[in-house]
Amino acid sequence: MKVAVIGGGAAGMSAGSRVRRLKPDWTVSVFEATEYVSHAPCGIPYVVEGLAGSSTDLMYYSPDVFIKKRGIDLHMNAEAVEAGDGYLRVRENGTEKKYEWDKLLIAVGASPKKLRVEGSDLNNVFTADLPPDADKIKSAAKNTESAVIIGAGYISVEMAEALSKLNKKVTIIGHHEYPLPKFDKEIGNIIKKEMDEKIDFRPTEETIALEGRDKIKKVITNKGEYKADIVIVAIGVKPNVGLAEQLGCRIGETKAIWTDSQMQTSVENVYAAGDCAEVTHMLTKKKVWIPLAPAGNKTGYAAGINMCGGNLEFPGALGTQMTKLYDLEIGRTGLTEKQAKKEGFEAISASIEANTKIHYYPGSRKIFLKVVADKETKRLLGAQVAGYEMVTMRINTMAAALQAEFTTKDLFFADLAYAPPFTPIWEPLIVSARVLKF
């Protein structure tokens, strides 16, 4: 049996490794368009900042692990240019080669959206997409003074911190009134306050042009002009679906590849996983596109098992995310209040400001929570947390509670740990459940 995997990122290598483990007599070939495998772009800002040495550090495993230890036929710098019934046409080493497959996994990820304004092709205008971008940005930033980041999402926030720590004057051009606009306003304003102390954040502005001769010199918006020696464009990503369309795979309403709960597409023996594939939202039960690494790894794992004849369903995702801005840790899971209402829930919420330790223990920091629930059933729908320590613990607790379909009463009576160095006696999550009532 010949299994082909298009894409050597986290999802593709997770699937390929699983097939090799379950079916050691099958041939597994992976075609990766770059020279990096088992990677994710989330580490790019940390290479730029200098916390990681270079882009090669972003590979979780080296190619040799997959080739020598796992027996995968790994093709690097091999771009799949055509996918047909039982075959792939791949461009590698300057020529095109044809490969046959019995089962196929598409794990080609997502690509940055393009800024469609004049000057977008100038030198020193970058996106943060693949590991090599980290080295390019880091090198270009060495001899610069000012940086402009277009967009105010996760990558933008992380790149802003990285560049400001390199002593660059950083400006963020945001389309909304606060950074990370997928948060509700209560948390968004806390993020904005933290950002305003160190970054020139420009809300509700639209980029209309980039200016310069060879290199970027200036960013023009509908409200002003900003000097720029380097520009990072981070206005979102879109799923790569071209090869799936060639095969006749159904593309979902989210514009990503439709899959069932076993990660199979609408075409027999063709699977999709990672940032190019749709999944189901655990709360709304609707198809969603959530391009995040944890779900990507798990969809690849499930696809690999099911390609071998298994029956492992991927239960869906909640969109749980974490990031940081200097000392402020920021996280969310499930639905915001705005999203919940849009999905038809009669949403109620509780916003809590608390300390992270009991009042007499030194070193306590502030933490802010917003928890959302359904008014009638009291089922928990989502949580957003910003604070200066222990945010991840609370977000992960809430993610597990959401998946377990906890109500506010369940959360209130959850036997969560307490000790003065770590939490107040009334854990803020418990307080939120009490405020929401049951």
Protein backbone atom coordinates (compact mmCIF):
# COMPACT_ATOMS: atom_id res chain seq x y z
CA MET A 1 0.00 0.00 0.00
CA LYS A 2 1.37 3.42 -1.00
CA VAL A 3 0.53 6.37 1.24
CA ALA A 4 1.44 9.88 0.12
CA VAL A 5 1.44 12.92 2.41
CA ILE A 6 1.58 16.41 0.92
CA GLY A 7 3.10 18.70 3.53
CA GLY A 8 5.82 17.97 6.07
CA GLY A 9 4.58 20.24 8.85
CA ALA A 10 3.31 19.04 12.20
CA ALA A 11 0.07 17.53 10.87
CA GLY A 12 1.70 15.75 7.95
CA MET A 13 4.54 14.24 9.94
CA SER A 14 2.17 13.20 12.75
CA ALA A 15 0.04 11.32 10.22
CA GLY A 16 2.98 9.80 8.37
CA SER A 17 4.58 8.61 11.60
CA ARG A 18 1.33 7.02 12.76
CA VAL A 19 0.91 5.11 9.49
CA ARG A 20 4.48 3.80 9.68
CA ARG A 21 3.89 2.64 13.27
CA LEU A 22 0.62 0.85 12.48
CA LYS A 23 1.51 -0.46 9.01
CA PRO A 24 5.28 -1.02 8.89
CA ASP A 25 5.02 -2.82 5.56
CA TRP A 26 3.34 0.15 3.84
CA THR A 27 5.32 2.75 1.94
CA VAL A 28 4.88 6.28 3.33
CA SER A 29 6.16 9.17 1.21
CA VAL A 30 6.05 12.76 2.44
CA PHE A 31 6.52 15.69 0.06
CA GLU A 32 7.56 18.95 1.73
CA ALA A 33 8.02 22.10 -0.37
CA THR A 34 10.67 23.59 1.95
CA GLU A 35 13.73 22.25 3.74
CA TYR A 36 11.93 22.20 7.08
CA VAL A 37 9.79 19.45 8.59
CA SER A 38 7.71 19.10 11.75
CA HIS A 39 7.57 22.86 12.15
CA ALA A 40 5.07 25.58 12.96
CA PRO A 41 5.26 29.36 12.42
CA CYS A 42 4.42 30.15 16.04
CA GLY A 43 8.12 30.23 16.90
CA ILE A 44 9.15 32.87 14.35
CA PRO A 45 8.91 35.87 16.75
CA TYR A 46 11.15 34.11 19.26
CA VAL A 47 13.87 33.55 16.66
CA VAL A 48 13.65 37.24 15.71
CA GLU A 49 13.95 38.25 19.38
CA GLY A 50 16.95 35.96 19.84
CA LEU A 51 15.38 33.48 22.27
CA ALA A 52 15.98 30.73 19.68
CA GLY A 53 19.15 30.61 17.65
CA SER A 54 17.85 30.23 14.11
CA SER A 55 15.00 28.92 12.02
CA THR A 56 16.33 25.35 12.22
CA ASP A 57 15.48 25.39 15.92
CA LEU A 58 11.79 25.58 14.94
CA MET A 59 11.83 21.96 13.76
CA TYR A 60 10.57 19.74 16.55
CA TYR A 61 12.38 16.76 14.97
CA SER A 62 15.15 16.76 12.41
CA PRO A 63 14.59 15.11 9.00
CA ASP A 64 16.90 12.24 10.04
CA VAL A 65 14.46 11.18 12.75
CA PHE A 66 11.78 10.54 10.15
CA ILE A 67 14.08 9.04 7.52
CA LYS A 68 16.35 6.83 9.63
CA LYS A 69 14.31 6.04 12.74
CA ARG A 70 10.78 5.96 11.35
CA GLY A 71 11.47 4.78 7.82
CA ILE A 72 9.57 7.55 6.03
CA ASP A 73 10.42 8.30 2.41
CA LEU A 74 10.87 12.04 2.98
CA HIS A 75 11.26 14.38 0.01
CA MET A 76 12.53 17.86 0.93
CA ASN A 77 12.24 20.88 -1.37
CA ALA A 78 9.62 18.88 -3.22
CA GLU A 79 6.54 20.86 -4.25
CA ALA A 80 3.42 18.98 -5.30
CA VAL A 81 2.18 20.86 -8.37
CA GLU A 82 -0.59 18.50 -9.48
CA ALA A 83 -2.80 16.00 -7.67
CA GLY A 84 -4.84 13.48 -9.63
CA ASP A 85 -6.61 10.19 -9.12
CA GLY A 86 -3.88 7.93 -7.76
CA TYR A 87 -0.93 10.13 -8.68
CA LEU A 88 1.02 13.24 -7.75
CA ARG A 89 3.25 15.35 -9.92
CA VAL A 90 6.07 16.81 -7.83
CA ARG A 91 8.68 19.41 -8.73
CA GLU A 92 12.02 18.56 -7.11
CA ASN A 93 15.66 19.09 -8.03
CA GLY A 94 14.66 21.16 -11.03
CA THR A 95 12.53 18.46 -12.64
CA GLU A 96 9.03 17.07 -12.32
CA LYS A 97 8.44 13.50 -11.19
CA LYS A 98 5.29 11.42 -10.94
CA TYR A 99 4.41 9.35 -7.88
CA GLU A 100 1.54 6.94 -7.31
CA TRP A 101 -0.63 6.70 -4.20
CA ASP A 102 -3.36 4.47 -2.81
CA LYS A 103 -4.18 6.80 0.08
CA LEU A 104 -3.43 10.50 0.22
CA LEU A 105 -3.24 13.08 3.01
CA ILE A 106 -3.34 16.78 2.20
CA ALA A 107 -1.63 18.75 4.97
CA VAL A 108 -0.47 21.86 3.13
CA GLY A 109 -1.38 24.40 5.80
CA ALA A 110 -2.33 28.01 5.26
CA SER A 111 -0.69 31.04 3.68
CA PRO A 112 -0.61 34.70 4.71
CA LYS A 113 -3.17 37.01 3.17
CA LYS A 114 -1.58 39.55 0.85
CA LEU A 115 -1.66 43.27 1.42
CA ARG A 116 -3.04 44.53 -1.87
CA VAL A 117 -1.68 48.06 -1.92
CA GLU A 118 1.00 49.86 -3.88
CA GLY A 119 4.52 49.13 -2.64
CA SER A 120 3.79 45.71 -1.15
CA ASP A 121 6.68 44.24 -3.17
CA LEU A 122 9.35 46.57 -1.75
CA ASN A 123 12.39 45.12 0.00
CA ASN A 124 12.15 44.72 3.77
CA VAL A 125 8.42 43.98 3.61
CA PHE A 126 7.87 40.56 5.17
CA THR A 127 5.30 38.06 6.30
CA ALA A 128 5.86 35.63 9.18
CA ASP A 129 4.83 32.38 7.51
CA LEU A 130 7.58 29.76 7.30
CA PRO A 131 10.76 29.22 9.36
CA PRO A 132 13.09 30.90 6.79
CA ASP A 133 11.12 34.12 7.31
CA ALA A 134 12.49 34.27 10.86
CA ASP A 135 16.10 34.45 9.66
CA LYS A 136 15.23 37.02 6.98
CA ILE A 137 13.41 39.30 9.41
CA LYS A 138 16.11 38.95 12.06
CA SER A 139 18.81 39.83 9.55
CA ALA A 140 16.91 42.79 8.10
CA ALA A 141 16.10 44.17 11.56
CA LYS A 142 19.75 44.48 12.58
CA ASN A 143 20.35 47.76 10.78
CA THR A 144 16.93 49.34 11.26
CA GLU A 145 15.45 51.82 13.71
CA SER A 146 11.71 51.75 13.03
CA ALA A 147 9.32 48.89 12.33
CA VAL A 148 5.68 48.97 11.32
CA ILE A 149 3.45 45.94 11.78
CA ILE A 150 0.25 45.87 9.75
CA GLY A 151 -2.40 43.89 11.58
CA ALA A 152 -3.05 43.40 15.28
CA GLY A 153 -3.57 39.65 15.74
CA TYR A 154 -1.44 37.08 17.55
CA ILE A 155 1.57 37.16 15.24
CA SER A 156 1.50 40.97 15.22
CA VAL A 157 1.49 41.20 19.02
CA GLU A 158 4.35 38.71 19.33
CA MET A 159 6.40 40.34 16.56
CA ALA A 160 5.86 43.75 18.16
CA GLU A 161 7.29 42.51 21.44
CA ALA A 162 10.23 40.84 19.69
CA LEU A 163 11.18 43.95 17.70
CA SER A 164 10.69 46.34 20.61
CA LYS A 165 13.01 44.19 22.72
CA LEU A 166 15.58 44.70 19.96
CA ASN A 167 15.19 48.44 20.68
CA LYS A 168 13.23 49.23 17.54
CA LYS A 169 10.55 51.90 17.46
CA VAL A 170 7.47 49.78 16.74
CA THR A 171 4.13 50.92 15.36
CA ILE A 172 1.13 48.60 14.94
CA ILE A 173 -1.57 49.51 12.44
CA GLY A 174 -4.78 47.92 13.72
CA HIS A 175 -8.13 47.71 11.97
CA HIS A 176 -10.08 47.50 15.24
CA GLU A 177 -10.15 49.57 18.42
CA TYR A 178 -7.91 47.23 20.42
CA PRO A 179 -5.30 44.51 19.70
CA LEU A 180 -6.39 40.87 19.43
CA PRO A 181 -9.90 41.83 18.27
CA LYS A 182 -11.26 38.29 18.72
CA PHE A 183 -11.38 39.01 22.45
CA ASP A 184 -14.28 40.86 24.03
CA LYS A 185 -13.79 44.53 24.82
CA GLU A 186 -13.25 44.07 28.57
CA ILE A 187 -10.12 41.99 27.96
CA GLY A 188 -9.19 43.87 24.78
CA ASN A 189 -8.87 47.13 26.69
CA ILE A 190 -6.50 45.50 29.19
CA ILE A 191 -4.32 44.31 26.30
CA LYS A 192 -4.41 47.77 24.74
CA LYS A 193 -3.34 49.42 27.99
CA GLU A 194 -0.34 47.10 28.25
CA MET A 195 0.58 47.71 24.61
CA ASP A 196 0.27 51.50 24.83
CA GLU A 197 3.06 51.59 27.40
CA LYS A 198 5.65 50.30 24.94
CA ILE A 199 4.20 50.21 21.40
CA ASP A 200 2.70 52.94 19.22
CA PHE A 201 -0.65 51.27 18.60
CA ARG A 202 -2.79 52.93 15.93
CA PRO A 203 -6.37 51.62 16.12
CA THR A 204 -9.04 51.79 13.41
CA GLU A 205 -6.59 52.65 10.64
CA GLU A 206 -6.39 51.24 7.13
CA THR A 207 -3.13 50.91 5.20
CA ILE A 208 -3.47 52.49 1.76
CA ALA A 209 0.13 52.44 0.44
CA LEU A 210 3.74 51.55 1.16
CA GLU A 211 6.38 53.98 -0.11
CA GLY A 212 10.04 53.71 -0.93
CA ARG A 213 12.38 53.30 -3.88
CA ASP A 214 13.96 49.91 -3.45
CA LYS A 215 13.41 49.47 0.27
CA ILE A 216 10.39 50.42 2.33
CA LYS A 217 10.58 53.92 3.81
CA LYS A 218 7.06 54.83 4.82
CA VAL A 219 3.62 53.36 5.53
CA ILE A 220 0.64 55.48 4.52
CA THR A 221 -2.73 54.96 6.20
CA ASN A 222 -6.06 56.75 5.96
CA LYS A 223 -5.07 58.69 9.08
CA GLY A 224 -1.33 59.26 8.91
CA GLU A 225 2.17 58.41 7.72
CA TYR A 226 4.73 56.30 9.61
CA LYS A 227 8.46 55.95 9.03
CA ALA A 228 9.36 52.31 8.44
CA ASP A 229 12.71 50.62 7.86
CA ILE A 230 11.01 47.24 8.03
CA VAL A 231 7.36 46.18 7.67
CA ILE A 232 5.69 42.98 8.85
CA VAL A 233 2.37 42.21 7.18
CA ALA A 234 0.20 40.03 9.44
CA ILE A 235 -3.40 40.53 8.36
CA GLY A 236 -4.48 36.92 8.60
CA VAL A 237 -4.08 33.65 6.74
CA LYS A 238 -6.09 31.58 4.29
CA PRO A 239 -6.19 27.78 3.86
CA ASN A 240 -4.31 26.26 0.93
CA VAL A 241 -6.94 24.33 -1.00
CA GLY A 242 -5.64 24.29 -4.59
CA LEU A 243 -4.56 20.64 -4.66
CA ALA A 244 -7.77 19.56 -2.95
CA GLU A 245 -9.77 21.38 -5.61
CA GLN A 246 -7.81 19.58 -8.34
CA LEU A 247 -8.93 16.28 -6.83
CA GLY A 248 -12.55 17.41 -6.61
CA CYS A 249 -12.62 17.62 -2.82
CA ARG A 250 -15.46 19.57 -1.34
CA ILE A 251 -14.50 22.98 0.01
CA GLY A 252 -16.52 24.00 3.06
CA GLU A 253 -18.26 27.23 3.93
CA THR A 254 -15.16 28.34 5.83
CA LYS A 255 -13.17 28.10 2.54
CA ALA A 256 -11.08 25.28 4.04
CA ILE A 257 -11.23 21.61 2.99
CA TRP A 258 -14.36 19.88 4.26
CA THR A 259 -13.67 16.74 6.29
CA ASP A 260 -15.77 14.29 8.27
CA SER A 261 -14.99 13.37 11.89
CA GLN A 262 -12.31 10.93 10.71
CA MET A 263 -10.58 13.64 8.64
CA GLN A 264 -11.62 12.08 5.33
CA THR A 265 -12.54 14.46 2.54
CA SER A 266 -15.45 14.02 0.16
CA VAL A 267 -13.14 12.01 -2.12
CA GLU A 268 -12.54 8.38 -1.19
CA ASN A 269 -9.08 7.61 0.23
CA VAL A 270 -8.19 11.30 0.39
CA TYR A 271 -7.77 12.86 3.85
CA ALA A 272 -6.95 16.38 5.03
CA ALA A 273 -5.46 17.62 8.30
CA GLY A 274 -3.88 20.67 9.85
CA ASP A 275 -4.38 24.29 8.88
CA CYS A 276 -5.98 23.52 5.51
CA ALA A 277 -8.85 21.47 6.94
CA GLU A 278 -12.17 22.25 8.57
CA VAL A 279 -13.13 20.75 11.91
CA THR A 280 -16.25 20.86 14.09
CA HIS A 281 -16.65 23.36 16.91
CA MET A 282 -17.36 21.49 20.13
CA LEU A 283 -19.95 24.01 21.33
CA THR A 284 -21.81 25.09 18.20
CA LYS A 285 -21.39 21.75 16.36
CA LYS A 286 -20.79 23.81 13.21
CA LYS A 287 -17.87 23.50 10.84
CA VAL A 288 -15.09 25.94 11.69
CA TRP A 289 -11.61 26.69 10.49
CA ILE A 290 -9.20 27.05 13.42
CA PRO A 291 -5.58 27.07 12.17
CA LEU A 292 -3.79 26.25 15.42
CA ALA A 293 -0.95 23.82 16.10
CA PRO A 294 -2.52 21.58 18.80
CA ALA A 295 -5.58 20.78 16.68
CA GLY A 296 -3.34 20.37 13.64
CA ASN A 297 -1.22 17.74 15.34
CA LYS A 298 -4.26 15.86 16.58
CA THR A 299 -6.07 15.90 13.23
CA GLY A 300 -2.91 14.51 11.64
CA TYR A 301 -2.72 11.79 14.29
CA ALA A 302 -6.37 10.86 13.74
CA ALA A 303 -6.01 10.89 9.97
CA GLY A 304 -3.00 8.57 10.16
CA ILE A 305 -4.93 6.02 12.23
CA ASN A 306 -7.97 6.18 9.98
CA MET A 307 -5.91 5.83 6.81
CA CYS A 308 -4.83 2.48 8.26
CA GLY A 309 -8.42 1.34 8.67
CA GLY A 310 -8.92 2.64 12.19
CA ASN A 311 -11.99 4.35 13.57
CA LEU A 312 -10.77 7.34 15.56
CA GLU A 313 -13.04 10.38 15.48
CA PHE A 314 -11.63 13.85 15.99
CA PRO A 315 -14.13 15.40 18.42
CA GLY A 316 -13.58 18.99 17.37
CA ALA A 317 -11.91 22.11 18.67
CA LEU A 318 -12.63 25.05 20.95
CA GLY A 319 -10.09 27.51 19.56
CA THR A 320 -8.05 27.57 22.77
CA GLN A 321 -5.19 30.05 22.39
CA MET A 322 -2.41 31.60 24.47
CA THR A 323 0.05 34.41 23.90
CA LYS A 324 1.87 37.09 25.87
CA LEU A 325 2.72 40.76 25.59
CA TYR A 326 5.72 41.50 27.79
CA ASP A 327 4.60 40.40 31.28
CA LEU A 328 0.91 40.17 30.38
CA GLU A 329 -0.24 36.60 29.66
CA ILE A 330 -3.36 36.40 27.46
CA GLY A 331 -5.59 33.43 26.71
CA ARG A 332 -9.04 32.37 25.57
CA THR A 333 -11.09 29.24 24.93
CA GLY A 334 -14.54 28.61 23.51
CA LEU A 335 -16.84 31.47 22.53
CA THR A 336 -16.59 35.12 23.41
CA GLU A 337 -19.81 36.82 24.48
CA LYS A 338 -20.07 38.44 21.07
CA GLN A 339 -19.59 35.11 19.29
CA ALA A 340 -22.03 33.31 21.58
CA LYS A 341 -24.78 35.81 20.84
CA LYS A 342 -24.07 35.59 17.12
CA GLU A 343 -24.47 31.81 17.36
CA GLY A 344 -27.91 32.19 18.92
CA PHE A 345 -27.10 31.63 22.60
CA GLU A 346 -28.69 33.87 25.21
CA ALA A 347 -25.30 34.61 26.65
CA ILE A 348 -24.52 36.03 30.05
CA SER A 349 -21.07 36.90 31.35
CA ALA A 350 -19.10 37.68 34.48
CA SER A 351 -15.98 39.85 34.48
CA ILE A 352 -13.69 39.32 37.48
CA GLU A 353 -10.60 41.20 38.67
CA ALA A 354 -8.65 39.23 41.26
CA ASN A 355 -5.25 38.58 42.80
CA THR A 356 -3.24 35.47 41.99
CA LYS A 357 -2.32 34.69 45.60
CA ILE A 358 -3.93 35.06 49.00
CA HIS A 359 -3.72 38.60 50.39
CA TYR A 360 -0.93 38.01 52.94
CA TYR A 361 1.42 36.09 50.63
CA PRO A 362 4.05 38.27 48.87
CA GLY A 363 4.29 38.61 45.13
CA SER A 364 0.63 38.53 44.20
CA ARG A 365 -0.24 39.83 40.70
CA LYS A 366 -3.46 40.97 39.08
CA ILE A 367 -5.54 38.73 36.86
CA PHE A 368 -8.66 39.53 34.84
CA LEU A 369 -11.25 37.00 33.70
CA LYS A 370 -14.36 37.06 31.59
CA VAL A 371 -16.46 33.88 31.66
CA VAL A 372 -19.46 33.35 29.37
CA ALA A 373 -22.41 31.00 29.94
CA ASP A 374 -25.84 30.26 28.51
CA LYS A 375 -28.53 32.03 30.54
CA GLU A 376 -31.10 29.22 30.45
CA THR A 377 -29.01 26.06 30.78
CA LYS A 378 -26.06 27.67 32.65
CA ARG A 379 -23.71 25.70 30.43
CA LEU A 380 -20.28 27.32 30.18
CA LEU A 381 -19.53 28.73 26.73
CA GLY A 382 -16.15 30.38 26.97
CA ALA A 383 -13.48 32.15 28.98
CA GLN A 384 -10.94 34.90 28.40
CA VAL A 385 -8.12 35.62 30.81
CA ALA A 386 -5.39 38.26 30.98
CA GLY A 387 -2.96 38.57 33.83
CA TYR A 388 0.60 38.44 35.05
CA GLU A 389 0.86 34.79 36.05
CA MET A 390 -1.06 31.49 36.05
CA VAL A 391 -3.16 32.36 33.00
CA THR A 392 -2.42 29.13 31.13
CA MET A 393 -3.55 27.03 34.11
CA ARG A 394 -6.92 28.77 34.17
CA ILE A 395 -7.44 28.66 30.41
CA ASN A 396 -6.61 24.95 30.30
CA THR A 397 -8.97 24.30 33.21
CA MET A 398 -11.75 26.09 31.36
CA ALA A 399 -11.00 24.28 28.08
CA ALA A 400 -11.42 20.94 29.85
CA ALA A 401 -14.60 22.19 31.54
CA LEU A 402 -16.07 23.31 28.21
CA GLN A 403 -15.31 19.98 26.57
CA ALA A 404 -16.92 18.18 29.54
CA GLU A 405 -20.02 20.38 29.13
CA PHE A 406 -19.72 21.90 32.60
CA THR A 407 -22.42 24.19 33.91
CA THR A 408 -21.73 27.08 36.27
CA LYS A 409 -22.69 24.78 39.15
CA ASP A 410 -20.18 22.16 38.01
CA LEU A 411 -17.46 24.79 37.88
CA PHE A 412 -18.40 26.21 41.29
CA PHE A 413 -18.10 22.82 42.94
CA ALA A 414 -14.99 21.74 41.03
CA ASP A 415 -12.40 20.65 43.60
CA LEU A 416 -9.61 22.93 42.40
CA ALA A 417 -6.35 23.14 44.33
CA TYR A 418 -5.56 25.90 46.81
CA ALA A 419 -2.37 26.95 48.55
CA PRO A 420 -1.31 30.50 49.51
CA PRO A 421 1.72 30.66 47.15
CA PHE A 422 -0.43 29.78 44.13
CA THR A 423 -4.04 30.94 44.43
CA PRO A 424 -6.43 32.90 46.63
CA ILE A 425 -8.74 30.76 48.70
CA TRP A 426 -11.58 31.76 46.37
CA GLU A 427 -10.16 30.76 43.01
CA PRO A 428 -11.19 33.41 40.42
CA LEU A 429 -12.81 30.77 38.18
CA ILE A 430 -14.97 29.67 41.12
CA VAL A 431 -15.88 33.29 41.79
CA SER A 432 -16.99 33.73 38.18
CA ALA A 433 -19.30 30.71 38.51
CA ARG A 434 -20.76 32.18 41.70
CA VAL A 435 -21.39 35.54 39.98
CA LEU A 436 -23.06 33.82 37.00
CA LYS A 437 -25.27 31.90 39.49
CA PHE A 438 -26.74 28.43 39.13
